[in-house]
Amino acid sequence: MKTRIITAICMAVLGIPLLIFSEYIIYPIAAGIFAAVAIYEMGSVTGLGKNLAMSVPAYVIAIATPILAYFFASFYFILCACAVALAYMLYLFGYAVVMRGQVKFSEVATQFACFAYIVASFTSLTLIRYTENGVYNFVLAFLAAWICDIFAYFVGRAIGKHKLIPEISPKKTVEGAIGGVFFTAVFFLIYGIIVSYINGAPTPNYLTLAIFGVVLSVVSQFGDLIASLIKREHGVKDYGKIFPGHGGVLDRFDSVVAVAPVLFALCLLFPPFS
């Protein structure tokens, strides 16, 4: 417990300034590094990281894409990013063909799915920040993941009686999941009220924020369960050891990884601040 607390304090000391000064390039650089580390962790769990021909291009794209999003945050950049992902997929298929059966299709599919999931997430975190009202929007990704996780845990501990999906996560309860959804929506509204008192800030749409809170809290919990499912299938406890007592990047940001692309799409369709 002592190690977890010390690590959490260190993460806050480093992470909060990073979010405050997210307008600068250090933020997308951090996103790119985290994306590459997350792909490395996933490769270590699945065993595919040992194949450098498959993993090295993924590292390069993972680092470059969030950084390039800082300079070219536009619809055309999204199209180019999708084209690069398609090119990587074709490269994996071609590599499997050249290897003449030594690389299975299931391995190619796993590699690309993990790559797309992680890179799309950390790139979305960057794109959200540098689009209209992004300084207020991107906070919602972290708020959704962390508030939902905290209150799902405490509500589950207090009144949880019915297991949610014990085959994947034995400690999660239905009551905790509902509590996470409810309190995330409440905190989204509180966040909107706080923003409304900032001089020059956009006007919050409280109904949109409440709906975002509900949707993103559900997505957040699925992100946690997806990460747990992969770990359970491969018989590992943590994805890594980069955060002592907490695990790896995917252990700490499993919910954020799921939330970020959904939040980006929602912000484009239904802006929570105007």
C-alpha atoms as a PDB file:
ATOM      1  CA  MET A   1       0.000   0.000   0.000  1.00  0.00           C
ATOM      2  CA  LYS A   2       2.866   2.377   0.840  1.00  0.00           C
ATOM      3  CA  THR A   3       4.378   1.817  -2.602  1.00  0.00           C
ATOM      4  CA  ARG A   4       1.031   2.472  -4.295  1.00  0.00           C
ATOM      5  CA  ILE A   5       0.563   5.743  -2.407  1.00  0.00           C
ATOM      6  CA  ILE A   6       4.083   6.986  -3.174  1.00  0.00           C
ATOM      7  CA  THR A   7       3.679   6.112  -6.844  1.00  0.00           C
ATOM      8  CA  ALA A   8       0.267   7.820  -6.976  1.00  0.00           C
ATOM      9  CA  ILE A   9       1.761  11.003  -5.511  1.00  0.00           C
ATOM     10  CA  CYS A  10       4.602  10.951  -8.036  1.00  0.00           C
ATOM     11  CA  MET A  11       2.135  10.405 -10.876  1.00  0.00           C
ATOM     12  CA  ALA A  12       0.090  13.392  -9.687  1.00  0.00           C
ATOM     13  CA  VAL A  13       3.172  15.610  -9.360  1.00  0.00           C
ATOM     14  CA  LEU A  14       4.179  14.792 -12.936  1.00  0.00           C
ATOM     15  CA  GLY A  15       0.737  14.374 -14.493  1.00  0.00           C
ATOM     16  CA  ILE A  16      -1.090  17.470 -13.257  1.00  0.00           C
ATOM     17  CA  PRO A  17       1.453  19.950 -14.703  1.00  0.00           C
ATOM     18  CA  LEU A  18       1.389  17.964 -17.948  1.00  0.00           C
ATOM     19  CA  LEU A  19      -2.375  18.495 -18.179  1.00  0.00           C
ATOM     20  CA  ILE A  20      -2.133  22.158 -17.156  1.00  0.00           C
ATOM     21  CA  PHE A  21       0.478  22.905 -19.820  1.00  0.00           C
ATOM     22  CA  SER A  22      -1.096  20.602 -22.400  1.00  0.00           C
ATOM     23  CA  GLU A  23      -1.144  23.389 -24.979  1.00  0.00           C
ATOM     24  CA  TYR A  24       2.547  22.758 -25.548  1.00  0.00           C
ATOM     25  CA  ILE A  25       4.105  19.922 -27.530  1.00  0.00           C
ATOM     26  CA  ILE A  26       5.219  18.083 -24.389  1.00  0.00           C
ATOM     27  CA  TYR A  27       1.641  16.777 -24.066  1.00  0.00           C
ATOM     28  CA  PRO A  28       1.487  14.949 -27.444  1.00  0.00           C
ATOM     29  CA  ILE A  29       5.059  13.739 -26.940  1.00  0.00           C
ATOM     30  CA  ALA A  30       3.969  12.154 -23.655  1.00  0.00           C
ATOM     31  CA  ALA A  31       0.908  10.681 -25.397  1.00  0.00           C
ATOM     32  CA  GLY A  32       3.135   9.152 -28.081  1.00  0.00           C
ATOM     33  CA  ILE A  33       5.522   7.672 -25.534  1.00  0.00           C
ATOM     34  CA  PHE A  34       2.666   6.217 -23.505  1.00  0.00           C
ATOM     35  CA  ALA A  35       1.163   4.747 -26.692  1.00  0.00           C
ATOM     36  CA  ALA A  36       4.448   3.052 -27.597  1.00  0.00           C
ATOM     37  CA  VAL A  37       4.878   1.716 -24.058  1.00  0.00           C
ATOM     38  CA  ALA A  38       1.292   0.432 -24.087  1.00  0.00           C
ATOM     39  CA  ILE A  39       1.919  -1.427 -27.367  1.00  0.00           C
ATOM     40  CA  TYR A  40       5.101  -2.888 -25.881  1.00  0.00           C
ATOM     41  CA  GLU A  41       3.161  -4.047 -22.803  1.00  0.00           C
ATOM     42  CA  MET A  42       0.436  -5.595 -24.948  1.00  0.00           C
ATOM     43  CA  GLY A  43       3.067  -7.323 -27.064  1.00  0.00           C
ATOM     44  CA  SER A  44       4.716  -8.716 -23.937  1.00  0.00           C
ATOM     45  CA  VAL A  45       1.397 -10.150 -22.772  1.00  0.00           C
ATOM     46  CA  THR A  46       0.391 -11.634 -26.143  1.00  0.00           C
ATOM     47  CA  GLY A  47       3.932 -12.741 -26.970  1.00  0.00           C
ATOM     48  CA  LEU A  48       3.880 -10.886 -30.305  1.00  0.00           C
ATOM     49  CA  GLY A  49       6.267  -8.179 -29.156  1.00  0.00           C
ATOM     50  CA  LYS A  50       9.181 -10.541 -29.736  1.00  0.00           C
ATOM     51  CA  ASN A  51       8.558 -10.330 -33.474  1.00  0.00           C
ATOM     52  CA  LEU A  52      10.382  -7.081 -34.276  1.00  0.00           C
ATOM     53  CA  ALA A  53       9.194  -7.019 -37.881  1.00  0.00           C
ATOM     54  CA  MET A  54       5.634  -6.691 -36.579  1.00  0.00           C
ATOM     55  CA  SER A  55       6.226  -4.566 -33.489  1.00  0.00           C
ATOM     56  CA  VAL A  56       8.823  -1.947 -34.517  1.00  0.00           C
ATOM     57  CA  PRO A  57       6.587  -0.255 -37.160  1.00  0.00           C
ATOM     58  CA  ALA A  58       3.829  -0.160 -34.535  1.00  0.00           C
ATOM     59  CA  TYR A  59       6.135   1.674 -32.110  1.00  0.00           C
ATOM     60  CA  VAL A  60       7.095   4.233 -34.737  1.00  0.00           C
ATOM     61  CA  ILE A  61       3.494   4.937 -35.745  1.00  0.00           C
ATOM     62  CA  ALA A  62       2.374   5.034 -32.109  1.00  0.00           C
ATOM     63  CA  ILE A  63       4.917   7.716 -31.222  1.00  0.00           C
ATOM     64  CA  ALA A  64       4.555   9.758 -34.411  1.00  0.00           C
ATOM     65  CA  THR A  65       0.769   9.929 -34.747  1.00  0.00           C
ATOM     66  CA  PRO A  66      -0.094  11.871 -31.536  1.00  0.00           C
ATOM     67  CA  ILE A  67       2.815  14.251 -32.162  1.00  0.00           C
ATOM     68  CA  LEU A  68       1.727  14.915 -35.750  1.00  0.00           C
ATOM     69  CA  ALA A  69      -1.809  15.511 -34.458  1.00  0.00           C
ATOM     70  CA  TYR A  70      -0.396  18.496 -32.558  1.00  0.00           C
ATOM     71  CA  PHE A  71       0.586  20.128 -35.856  1.00  0.00           C
ATOM     72  CA  PHE A  72      -2.251  18.896 -38.079  1.00  0.00           C
ATOM     73  CA  ALA A  73      -5.374  18.544 -35.923  1.00  0.00           C
ATOM     74  CA  SER A  74      -7.894  18.392 -38.766  1.00  0.00           C
ATOM     75  CA  PHE A  75     -10.258  16.097 -40.610  1.00  0.00           C
ATOM     76  CA  TYR A  76      -7.608  15.517 -43.284  1.00  0.00           C
ATOM     77  CA  PHE A  77      -5.149  14.377 -40.643  1.00  0.00           C
ATOM     78  CA  ILE A  78      -7.697  11.789 -39.450  1.00  0.00           C
ATOM     79  CA  LEU A  79      -7.994  10.492 -43.013  1.00  0.00           C
ATOM     80  CA  CYS A  80      -4.212  10.286 -43.314  1.00  0.00           C
ATOM     81  CA  ALA A  81      -3.973   8.480 -39.965  1.00  0.00           C
ATOM     82  CA  CYS A  82      -6.563   5.946 -41.133  1.00  0.00           C
ATOM     83  CA  ALA A  83      -4.568   5.478 -44.356  1.00  0.00           C
ATOM     84  CA  VAL A  84      -1.401   4.804 -42.341  1.00  0.00           C
ATOM     85  CA  ALA A  85      -3.268   2.267 -40.197  1.00  0.00           C
ATOM     86  CA  LEU A  86      -4.540   0.568 -43.369  1.00  0.00           C
ATOM     87  CA  ALA A  87      -1.001   0.510 -44.759  1.00  0.00           C
ATOM     88  CA  TYR A  88       0.249  -1.123 -41.553  1.00  0.00           C
ATOM     89  CA  MET A  89      -2.509  -3.726 -41.779  1.00  0.00           C
ATOM     90  CA  LEU A  90      -1.543  -4.540 -45.388  1.00  0.00           C
ATOM     91  CA  TYR A  91       2.095  -4.703 -44.299  1.00  0.00           C
ATOM     92  CA  LEU A  92       1.188  -7.269 -41.623  1.00  0.00           C
ATOM     93  CA  PHE A  93      -0.759  -9.347 -44.139  1.00  0.00           C
ATOM     94  CA  GLY A  94       2.106  -9.174 -46.617  1.00  0.00           C
ATOM     95  CA  TYR A  95       4.596 -10.132 -43.932  1.00  0.00           C
ATOM     96  CA  ALA A  96       2.484 -13.166 -43.016  1.00  0.00           C
ATOM     97  CA  VAL A  97       2.418 -14.219 -46.666  1.00  0.00           C
ATOM     98  CA  VAL A  98       6.182 -13.816 -47.069  1.00  0.00           C
ATOM     99  CA  MET A  99       6.765 -15.851 -43.906  1.00  0.00           C
ATOM    100  CA  ARG A 100       4.885 -18.745 -45.579  1.00  0.00           C
ATOM    101  CA  GLY A 101       2.761 -19.854 -42.687  1.00  0.00           C
ATOM    102  CA  GLN A 102       5.240 -19.165 -39.886  1.00  0.00           C
ATOM    103  CA  VAL A 103       3.073 -16.196 -38.837  1.00  0.00           C
ATOM    104  CA  LYS A 104      -0.584 -17.097 -38.304  1.00  0.00           C
ATOM    105  CA  PHE A 105      -3.530 -14.968 -39.361  1.00  0.00           C
ATOM    106  CA  SER A 106      -4.757 -14.919 -35.755  1.00  0.00           C
ATOM    107  CA  GLU A 107      -1.426 -13.358 -34.717  1.00  0.00           C
ATOM    108  CA  VAL A 108      -1.718 -10.695 -37.409  1.00  0.00           C
ATOM    109  CA  ALA A 109      -5.296  -9.947 -36.358  1.00  0.00           C
ATOM    110  CA  THR A 110      -4.323  -9.696 -32.684  1.00  0.00           C
ATOM    111  CA  GLN A 111      -1.372  -7.423 -33.452  1.00  0.00           C
ATOM    112  CA  PHE A 112      -3.421  -5.054 -35.592  1.00  0.00           C
ATOM    113  CA  ALA A 113      -6.404  -4.965 -33.224  1.00  0.00           C
ATOM    114  CA  CYS A 114      -4.181  -4.067 -30.253  1.00  0.00           C
ATOM    115  CA  PHE A 115      -2.270  -1.517 -32.340  1.00  0.00           C
ATOM    116  CA  ALA A 116      -5.430   0.188 -33.628  1.00  0.00           C
ATOM    117  CA  TYR A 117      -7.074   0.234 -30.181  1.00  0.00           C
ATOM    118  CA  ILE A 118      -4.084   1.857 -28.468  1.00  0.00           C
ATOM    119  CA  VAL A 119      -2.989   4.294 -31.189  1.00  0.00           C
ATOM    120  CA  ALA A 120      -6.554   5.484 -31.818  1.00  0.00           C
ATOM    121  CA  SER A 121      -6.909   6.199 -28.119  1.00  0.00           C
ATOM    122  CA  PHE A 122      -3.756   8.225 -27.508  1.00  0.00           C
ATOM    123  CA  THR A 123      -4.176  10.053 -30.822  1.00  0.00           C
ATOM    124  CA  SER A 124      -7.742  10.915 -29.828  1.00  0.00           C
ATOM    125  CA  LEU A 125      -6.465  12.358 -26.544  1.00  0.00           C
ATOM    126  CA  THR A 126      -4.293  14.683 -28.592  1.00  0.00           C
ATOM    127  CA  LEU A 127      -6.944  15.573 -31.158  1.00  0.00           C
ATOM    128  CA  ILE A 128      -9.519  16.364 -28.474  1.00  0.00           C
ATOM    129  CA  ARG A 129      -7.111  18.806 -26.848  1.00  0.00           C
ATOM    130  CA  TYR A 130      -6.345  20.759 -30.016  1.00  0.00           C
ATOM    131  CA  THR A 131      -9.843  21.069 -31.450  1.00  0.00           C
ATOM    132  CA  GLU A 132     -12.394  23.762 -30.545  1.00  0.00           C
ATOM    133  CA  ASN A 133     -12.828  24.107 -26.755  1.00  0.00           C
ATOM    134  CA  GLY A 134     -10.378  21.235 -26.403  1.00  0.00           C
ATOM    135  CA  VAL A 135      -8.855  22.646 -23.229  1.00  0.00           C
ATOM    136  CA  TYR A 136     -12.180  21.909 -21.529  1.00  0.00           C
ATOM    137  CA  ASN A 137     -13.157  18.796 -23.477  1.00  0.00           C
ATOM    138  CA  PHE A 138     -10.059  16.636 -22.990  1.00  0.00           C
ATOM    139  CA  VAL A 139     -10.376  16.760 -19.199  1.00  0.00           C
ATOM    140  CA  LEU A 140     -13.589  14.743 -19.551  1.00  0.00           C
ATOM    141  CA  ALA A 141     -11.638  11.649 -20.674  1.00  0.00           C
ATOM    142  CA  PHE A 142      -9.678  11.496 -17.428  1.00  0.00           C
ATOM    143  CA  LEU A 143     -12.632  12.599 -15.324  1.00  0.00           C
ATOM    144  CA  ALA A 144     -14.837   9.831 -16.731  1.00  0.00           C
ATOM    145  CA  ALA A 145     -12.244   7.108 -16.187  1.00  0.00           C
ATOM    146  CA  TRP A 146     -11.082   8.083 -12.720  1.00  0.00           C
ATOM    147  CA  ILE A 147     -14.369   9.212 -11.156  1.00  0.00           C
ATOM    148  CA  CYS A 148     -16.143   6.105 -12.416  1.00  0.00           C
ATOM    149  CA  ASP A 149     -13.375   3.843 -11.139  1.00  0.00           C
ATOM    150  CA  ILE A 150     -13.272   5.485  -7.697  1.00  0.00           C
ATOM    151  CA  PHE A 151     -17.002   5.501  -7.041  1.00  0.00           C
ATOM    152  CA  ALA A 152     -17.623   2.077  -8.581  1.00  0.00           C
ATOM    153  CA  TYR A 153     -15.081   0.753  -6.072  1.00  0.00           C
ATOM    154  CA  PHE A 154     -16.492   2.510  -3.008  1.00  0.00           C
ATOM    155  CA  VAL A 155     -20.155   1.904  -3.856  1.00  0.00           C
ATOM    156  CA  GLY A 156     -19.348  -1.737  -4.592  1.00  0.00           C
ATOM    157  CA  ARG A 157     -17.548  -2.076  -1.275  1.00  0.00           C
ATOM    158  CA  ALA A 158     -20.423  -0.421   0.600  1.00  0.00           C
ATOM    159  CA  ILE A 159     -23.522  -2.021  -0.883  1.00  0.00           C
ATOM    160  CA  GLY A 160     -22.367  -4.385  -3.642  1.00  0.00           C
ATOM    161  CA  LYS A 161     -24.091  -7.777  -3.508  1.00  0.00           C
ATOM    162  CA  HIS A 162     -24.506  -8.886  -7.113  1.00  0.00           C
ATOM    163  CA  LYS A 163     -21.411  -9.775  -9.146  1.00  0.00           C
ATOM    164  CA  LEU A 164     -21.136  -7.996 -12.495  1.00  0.00           C
ATOM    165  CA  ILE A 165     -18.983 -10.367 -14.581  1.00  0.00           C
ATOM    166  CA  PRO A 166     -17.113 -12.579 -12.086  1.00  0.00           C
ATOM    167  CA  GLU A 167     -15.511 -14.685 -14.830  1.00  0.00           C
ATOM    168  CA  ILE A 168     -13.467 -11.625 -15.848  1.00  0.00           C
ATOM    169  CA  SER A 169     -13.366  -9.397 -12.770  1.00  0.00           C
ATOM    170  CA  PRO A 170     -14.507 -11.163  -9.571  1.00  0.00           C
ATOM    171  CA  LYS A 171     -14.628  -8.026  -7.401  1.00  0.00           C
ATOM    172  CA  LYS A 172     -16.838  -5.834  -9.594  1.00  0.00           C
ATOM    173  CA  THR A 173     -20.521  -5.606  -8.697  1.00  0.00           C
ATOM    174  CA  VAL A 174     -23.676  -4.414 -10.417  1.00  0.00           C
ATOM    175  CA  GLU A 175     -24.268  -1.908  -7.626  1.00  0.00           C
ATOM    176  CA  GLY A 176     -20.752  -0.557  -8.024  1.00  0.00           C
ATOM    177  CA  ALA A 177     -21.185  -0.214 -11.781  1.00  0.00           C
ATOM    178  CA  ILE A 178     -24.432   1.743 -11.319  1.00  0.00           C
ATOM    179  CA  GLY A 179     -22.793   3.924  -8.680  1.00  0.00           C
ATOM    180  CA  GLY A 180     -19.925   4.671 -11.063  1.00  0.00           C
ATOM    181  CA  VAL A 181     -22.357   5.751 -13.779  1.00  0.00           C
ATOM    182  CA  PHE A 182     -24.396   7.944 -11.424  1.00  0.00           C
ATOM    183  CA  PHE A 183     -21.483   9.766  -9.811  1.00  0.00           C
ATOM    184  CA  THR A 184     -19.682  10.287 -13.116  1.00  0.00           C
ATOM    185  CA  ALA A 185     -22.756  12.074 -14.473  1.00  0.00           C
ATOM    186  CA  VAL A 186     -22.927  14.162 -11.279  1.00  0.00           C
ATOM    187  CA  PHE A 187     -19.262  15.146 -11.494  1.00  0.00           C
ATOM    188  CA  PHE A 188     -19.636  16.042 -15.160  1.00  0.00           C
ATOM    189  CA  LEU A 189     -22.358  18.501 -14.165  1.00  0.00           C
ATOM    190  CA  ILE A 190     -20.171  19.875 -11.373  1.00  0.00           C
ATOM    191  CA  TYR A 191     -17.343  20.269 -13.859  1.00  0.00           C
ATOM    192  CA  GLY A 192     -19.692  22.197 -16.167  1.00  0.00           C
ATOM    193  CA  ILE A 193     -20.626  24.530 -13.311  1.00  0.00           C
ATOM    194  CA  ILE A 194     -16.943  25.151 -12.526  1.00  0.00           C
ATOM    195  CA  VAL A 195     -16.204  25.939 -16.185  1.00  0.00           C
ATOM    196  CA  SER A 196     -19.135  28.381 -16.289  1.00  0.00           C
ATOM    197  CA  TYR A 197     -17.397  30.535 -13.665  1.00  0.00           C
ATOM    198  CA  ILE A 198     -14.149  30.810 -15.673  1.00  0.00           C
ATOM    199  CA  ASN A 199     -13.784  34.148 -17.458  1.00  0.00           C
ATOM    200  CA  GLY A 200     -13.909  33.708 -21.213  1.00  0.00           C
ATOM    201  CA  ALA A 201     -14.890  30.045 -20.983  1.00  0.00           C
ATOM    202  CA  PRO A 202     -17.544  28.590 -23.317  1.00  0.00           C
ATOM    203  CA  THR A 203     -21.068  27.910 -22.130  1.00  0.00           C
ATOM    204  CA  PRO A 204     -21.649  24.366 -20.833  1.00  0.00           C
ATOM    205  CA  ASN A 205     -24.530  22.295 -22.166  1.00  0.00           C
ATOM    206  CA  TYR A 206     -25.558  20.531 -18.972  1.00  0.00           C
ATOM    207  CA  LEU A 207     -27.859  17.975 -20.591  1.00  0.00           C
ATOM    208  CA  THR A 208     -25.072  16.978 -22.987  1.00  0.00           C
ATOM    209  CA  LEU A 209     -22.591  16.747 -20.122  1.00  0.00           C
ATOM    210  CA  ALA A 210     -24.935  14.501 -18.127  1.00  0.00           C
ATOM    211  CA  ILE A 211     -25.439  12.213 -21.129  1.00  0.00           C
ATOM    212  CA  PHE A 212     -21.677  12.190 -21.737  1.00  0.00           C
ATOM    213  CA  GLY A 213     -21.181  11.191 -18.103  1.00  0.00           C
ATOM    214  CA  VAL A 214     -23.516   8.217 -18.450  1.00  0.00           C
ATOM    215  CA  VAL A 215     -22.157   7.029 -21.811  1.00  0.00           C
ATOM    216  CA  LEU A 216     -18.484   7.485 -20.983  1.00  0.00           C
ATOM    217  CA  SER A 217     -18.768   5.849 -17.559  1.00  0.00           C
ATOM    218  CA  VAL A 218     -20.208   2.747 -19.232  1.00  0.00           C
ATOM    219  CA  VAL A 219     -17.423   2.806 -21.828  1.00  0.00           C
ATOM    220  CA  SER A 220     -14.879   3.312 -19.044  1.00  0.00           C
ATOM    221  CA  GLN A 221     -16.024   0.171 -17.267  1.00  0.00           C
ATOM    222  CA  PHE A 222     -15.911  -1.808 -20.496  1.00  0.00           C
ATOM    223  CA  GLY A 223     -12.347  -0.582 -21.006  1.00  0.00           C
ATOM    224  CA  ASP A 224     -11.406  -1.913 -17.596  1.00  0.00           C
ATOM    225  CA  LEU A 225     -13.080  -5.240 -18.327  1.00  0.00           C
ATOM    226  CA  ILE A 226     -11.448  -5.525 -21.768  1.00  0.00           C
ATOM    227  CA  ALA A 227      -8.015  -5.080 -20.203  1.00  0.00           C
ATOM    228  CA  SER A 228      -8.876  -7.649 -17.524  1.00  0.00           C
ATOM    229  CA  LEU A 229     -10.139 -10.111 -20.142  1.00  0.00           C
ATOM    230  CA  ILE A 230      -6.863  -9.970 -22.078  1.00  0.00           C
ATOM    231  CA  LYS A 231      -4.792 -10.393 -18.914  1.00  0.00           C
ATOM    232  CA  ARG A 232      -6.909 -13.306 -17.729  1.00  0.00           C
ATOM    233  CA  GLU A 233      -6.681 -15.089 -21.092  1.00  0.00           C
ATOM    234  CA  HIS A 234      -2.874 -14.858 -20.988  1.00  0.00           C
ATOM    235  CA  GLY A 235      -2.504 -15.582 -17.283  1.00  0.00           C
ATOM    236  CA  VAL A 236      -0.807 -12.353 -16.186  1.00  0.00           C
ATOM    237  CA  LYS A 237      -1.558 -10.049 -13.270  1.00  0.00           C
ATOM    238  CA  ASP A 238      -0.252  -6.749 -14.645  1.00  0.00           C
ATOM    239  CA  TYR A 239       0.716  -5.433 -18.056  1.00  0.00           C
ATOM    240  CA  GLY A 240       3.954  -3.944 -16.783  1.00  0.00           C
ATOM    241  CA  LYS A 241       5.898  -2.495 -13.863  1.00  0.00           C
ATOM    242  CA  ILE A 242       6.471   1.089 -14.978  1.00  0.00           C
ATOM    243  CA  PHE A 243       4.299   2.339 -12.089  1.00  0.00           C
ATOM    244  CA  PRO A 244       5.383   0.422  -8.952  1.00  0.00           C
ATOM    245  CA  GLY A 245       2.366  -0.908  -7.100  1.00  0.00           C
ATOM    246  CA  HIS A 246       0.037   0.046  -9.954  1.00  0.00           C
ATOM    247  CA  GLY A 247       1.363  -1.962 -12.902  1.00  0.00           C
ATOM    248  CA  GLY A 248       1.935  -0.662 -16.406  1.00  0.00           C
ATOM    249  CA  VAL A 249       0.480   2.031 -18.638  1.00  0.00           C
ATOM    250  CA  LEU A 250      -2.413  -0.223 -19.649  1.00  0.00           C
ATOM    251  CA  ASP A 251      -3.132  -1.035 -16.001  1.00  0.00           C
ATOM    252  CA  ARG A 252      -3.437   2.671 -15.128  1.00  0.00           C
ATOM    253  CA  PHE A 253      -4.992   3.926 -18.354  1.00  0.00           C
ATOM    254  CA  ASP A 254      -7.145   0.958 -19.400  1.00  0.00           C
ATOM    255  CA  SER A 255     -10.345   2.975 -19.003  1.00  0.00           C
ATOM    256  CA  VAL A 256      -8.919   6.121 -20.609  1.00  0.00           C
ATOM    257  CA  VAL A 257      -7.868   4.044 -23.624  1.00  0.00           C
ATOM    258  CA  ALA A 258     -11.488   3.045 -24.203  1.00  0.00           C
ATOM    259  CA  VAL A 259     -12.998   6.437 -23.370  1.00  0.00           C
ATOM    260  CA  ALA A 260     -10.804   8.717 -25.512  1.00  0.00           C
ATOM    261  CA  PRO A 261     -11.967   7.705 -29.045  1.00  0.00           C
ATOM    262  CA  VAL A 262     -15.611   7.715 -27.966  1.00  0.00           C
ATOM    263  CA  LEU A 263     -15.252  11.138 -26.343  1.00  0.00           C
ATOM    264  CA  PHE A 264     -13.578  12.505 -29.467  1.00  0.00           C
ATOM    265  CA  ALA A 265     -16.454  11.317 -31.659  1.00  0.00           C
ATOM    266  CA  LEU A 266     -19.063  12.661 -29.230  1.00  0.00           C
ATOM    267  CA  CYS A 267     -17.366  16.060 -29.031  1.00  0.00           C
ATOM    268  CA  LEU A 268     -17.438  16.341 -32.823  1.00  0.00           C
ATOM    269  CA  LEU A 269     -21.119  15.398 -33.021  1.00  0.00           C
ATOM    270  CA  PHE A 270     -22.495  16.970 -29.837  1.00  0.00           C
ATOM    271  CA  PRO A 271     -20.124  19.625 -28.411  1.00  0.00           C
ATOM    272  CA  PRO A 272     -20.536  19.808 -24.609  1.00  0.00           C
ATOM    273  CA  PHE A 273     -19.353  23.435 -24.580  1.00  0.00           C
ATOM    274  CA  SER A 274     -20.401  26.136 -26.998  1.00  0.00           C
END
